[in-house]
Every structure is written in C-alpha cells, then in structure tokens.
Amino acid sequence: MMKYAAAIIVLLSYTPLSAQQLDMDFLIEEDEQAAGCLGASVEGLDPNRDGFLAVRTVPGTNYRKIDELHNGDGVRPCVRNGNWWGVYYGNPRRNGWVHGNWLGRWVG
C-alpha cells in the first residue's frame, strides 16, 4: 500500500512544463500550416560552462527559469523584446523567453 501512496504523491506534485504560465505572454499568430514564426536553432553554447540556454517567464536574467534548451534544439522565435525572443518549441509545444545571442541558422 505504501508504494501506491508514494506514486500518488509524485504524480500530484508533478507539473508539466507546458502547463506553466509566462509572466509576460506573447501572441503566436499562425496560418493554416501552423507557420507564423521563423525557425531557428540554439547554437554557440559552451558545453564546458552551463551548456544550456535558459527559457524564462519574462525577458531578463532575473526572472524565473522554466526550461533549458541545448545546442541544436529547434525553436520558433515569434516576438522580440530587446535582445530577448519569445519562442515556442518542443512536442508538446511549450513557450517562453530566450536570449537571442544563442539563436542561429534562421529559416523562414
């Protein structure tokens, strides 16, 4: 019985990343082919340092990190705020803010 109780506690405390709300949301405009934002990939991260690009709820390093992206991960930048981009990515689709210094290989 204790095994099942522990499993229930873990399941109840799990919050999927896709369910997290942004503190500064942005609009994703799409056409019938789900194309409304450019495509880019994460590049230039130093694997000997952090090795990840933080996804945040608001554009800025002082705000809550909700996810991490790595070199080669694909994102769809939709809106710009200074050096920060509102992006969506992944399956299921998630969104957040990343610094543009590590976005490369833009495609339309």
Protein backbone atom coordinates (compact mmCIF):
# COMPACT_ATOMS: atom_id res chain seq x y z
CA MET A 1 0.00 0.00 0.00
CA MET A 2 2.88 2.40 0.75
CA LYS A 3 4.24 2.05 -2.82
CA TYR A 4 0.96 3.28 -4.27
CA ALA A 5 0.73 6.21 -1.84
CA ALA A 6 4.24 7.34 -2.81
CA ALA A 7 3.36 7.11 -6.50
CA ILE A 8 0.22 9.20 -5.98
CA ILE A 9 2.20 11.89 -4.15
CA VAL A 10 4.74 12.05 -7.01
CA LEU A 11 2.00 12.29 -9.64
CA LEU A 12 0.15 15.02 -7.77
CA SER A 13 3.29 17.11 -7.31
CA TYR A 14 4.35 16.85 -10.98
CA THR A 15 3.59 19.94 -13.07
CA PRO A 16 4.35 19.56 -16.77
CA LEU A 17 6.38 22.39 -18.31
CA SER A 18 3.69 23.01 -20.91
CA ALA A 19 1.26 23.95 -18.13
CA GLN A 20 3.45 26.72 -16.71
CA GLN A 21 2.26 30.25 -17.30
CA LEU A 22 4.53 33.02 -18.54
CA ASP A 23 4.69 36.22 -16.54
CA MET A 24 4.94 38.12 -19.85
CA ASP A 25 2.98 36.24 -22.51
CA PHE A 26 3.18 36.81 -26.26
CA LEU A 27 0.89 36.10 -29.20
CA ILE A 28 1.65 33.32 -31.66
CA GLU A 29 -0.04 34.10 -34.98
CA GLU A 30 -0.31 31.11 -37.29
CA ASP A 31 -1.77 30.40 -40.71
CA GLU A 32 -3.41 27.11 -41.77
CA GLN A 33 0.02 25.39 -41.99
CA ALA A 34 0.96 26.44 -38.41
CA ALA A 35 3.56 28.78 -39.86
CA GLY A 36 3.62 32.18 -38.24
CA CYS A 37 7.06 32.44 -36.70
CA LEU A 38 10.54 31.99 -38.10
CA GLY A 39 12.58 28.91 -37.32
CA ALA A 40 15.98 28.95 -35.60
CA SER A 41 18.28 26.62 -33.74
CA VAL A 42 20.19 27.04 -30.49
CA GLU A 43 23.92 27.48 -31.18
CA GLY A 44 27.14 28.60 -29.54
CA LEU A 45 26.56 27.32 -26.01
CA ASP A 46 29.77 26.33 -24.22
CA PRO A 47 29.47 22.69 -23.05
CA ASN A 48 32.23 23.36 -20.51
CA ARG A 49 30.14 26.02 -18.78
CA ASP A 50 26.37 25.89 -18.19
CA GLY A 51 25.79 24.15 -21.53
CA PHE A 52 22.16 25.27 -21.72
CA LEU A 53 20.05 28.24 -22.76
CA ALA A 54 17.58 29.16 -20.03
CA VAL A 55 13.93 29.58 -21.03
CA ARG A 56 12.34 32.22 -18.80
CA THR A 57 8.88 33.55 -17.99
CA VAL A 58 9.90 37.16 -18.80
CA PRO A 59 12.73 38.56 -20.96
CA GLY A 60 15.56 39.03 -18.45
CA THR A 61 18.08 37.01 -16.45
CA ASN A 62 16.47 37.95 -13.12
CA TYR A 63 13.24 36.10 -13.91
CA ARG A 64 12.19 32.52 -13.25
CA LYS A 65 13.73 29.78 -15.42
CA ILE A 66 11.12 27.28 -16.63
CA ASP A 67 13.15 25.12 -19.01
CA GLU A 68 16.53 24.58 -20.67
CA LEU A 69 17.48 24.29 -24.34
CA HIS A 70 20.72 22.87 -25.75
CA ASN A 71 22.86 23.27 -28.88
CA GLY A 72 20.93 22.01 -31.89
CA ASP A 73 17.46 22.38 -30.35
CA GLY A 74 14.95 23.97 -32.72
CA VAL A 75 12.79 26.94 -31.70
CA ARG A 76 10.27 29.23 -33.40
CA PRO A 77 11.01 32.88 -32.48
CA CYS A 78 7.78 34.91 -32.66
CA VAL A 79 8.33 38.25 -30.97
CA ARG A 80 11.36 40.32 -29.97
CA ASN A 81 11.88 42.40 -26.83
CA GLY A 82 15.37 43.93 -26.98
CA ASN A 83 17.83 41.02 -27.16
CA TRP A 84 15.20 38.55 -25.98
CA TRP A 85 12.89 36.44 -28.10
CA GLY A 86 9.53 34.91 -27.28
CA VAL A 87 9.80 31.40 -28.72
CA TYR A 88 7.84 28.19 -28.90
CA TYR A 89 9.39 24.76 -29.21
CA GLY A 90 9.03 21.06 -28.45
CA ASN A 91 6.29 18.49 -28.57
CA PRO A 92 4.06 19.09 -26.74
CA ARG A 93 4.54 22.72 -27.61
CA ARG A 94 5.98 24.96 -24.90
CA ASN A 95 6.84 28.63 -24.97
CA GLY A 96 9.00 31.13 -23.13
CA TRP A 97 11.67 33.80 -23.47
CA VAL A 98 15.31 33.19 -24.50
CA HIS A 99 18.28 35.48 -25.14
CA GLY A 100 18.93 35.95 -28.85
CA ASN A 101 22.72 35.62 -28.62
CA TRP A 102 22.35 31.84 -28.87
CA LEU A 103 19.88 31.65 -31.76
CA GLY A 104 21.39 30.82 -35.15
CA ARG A 105 20.54 29.30 -38.52
CA TRP A 106 17.35 31.27 -39.05
CA VAL A 107 14.93 29.90 -41.66
CA GLY A 108 11.72 31.36 -42.98
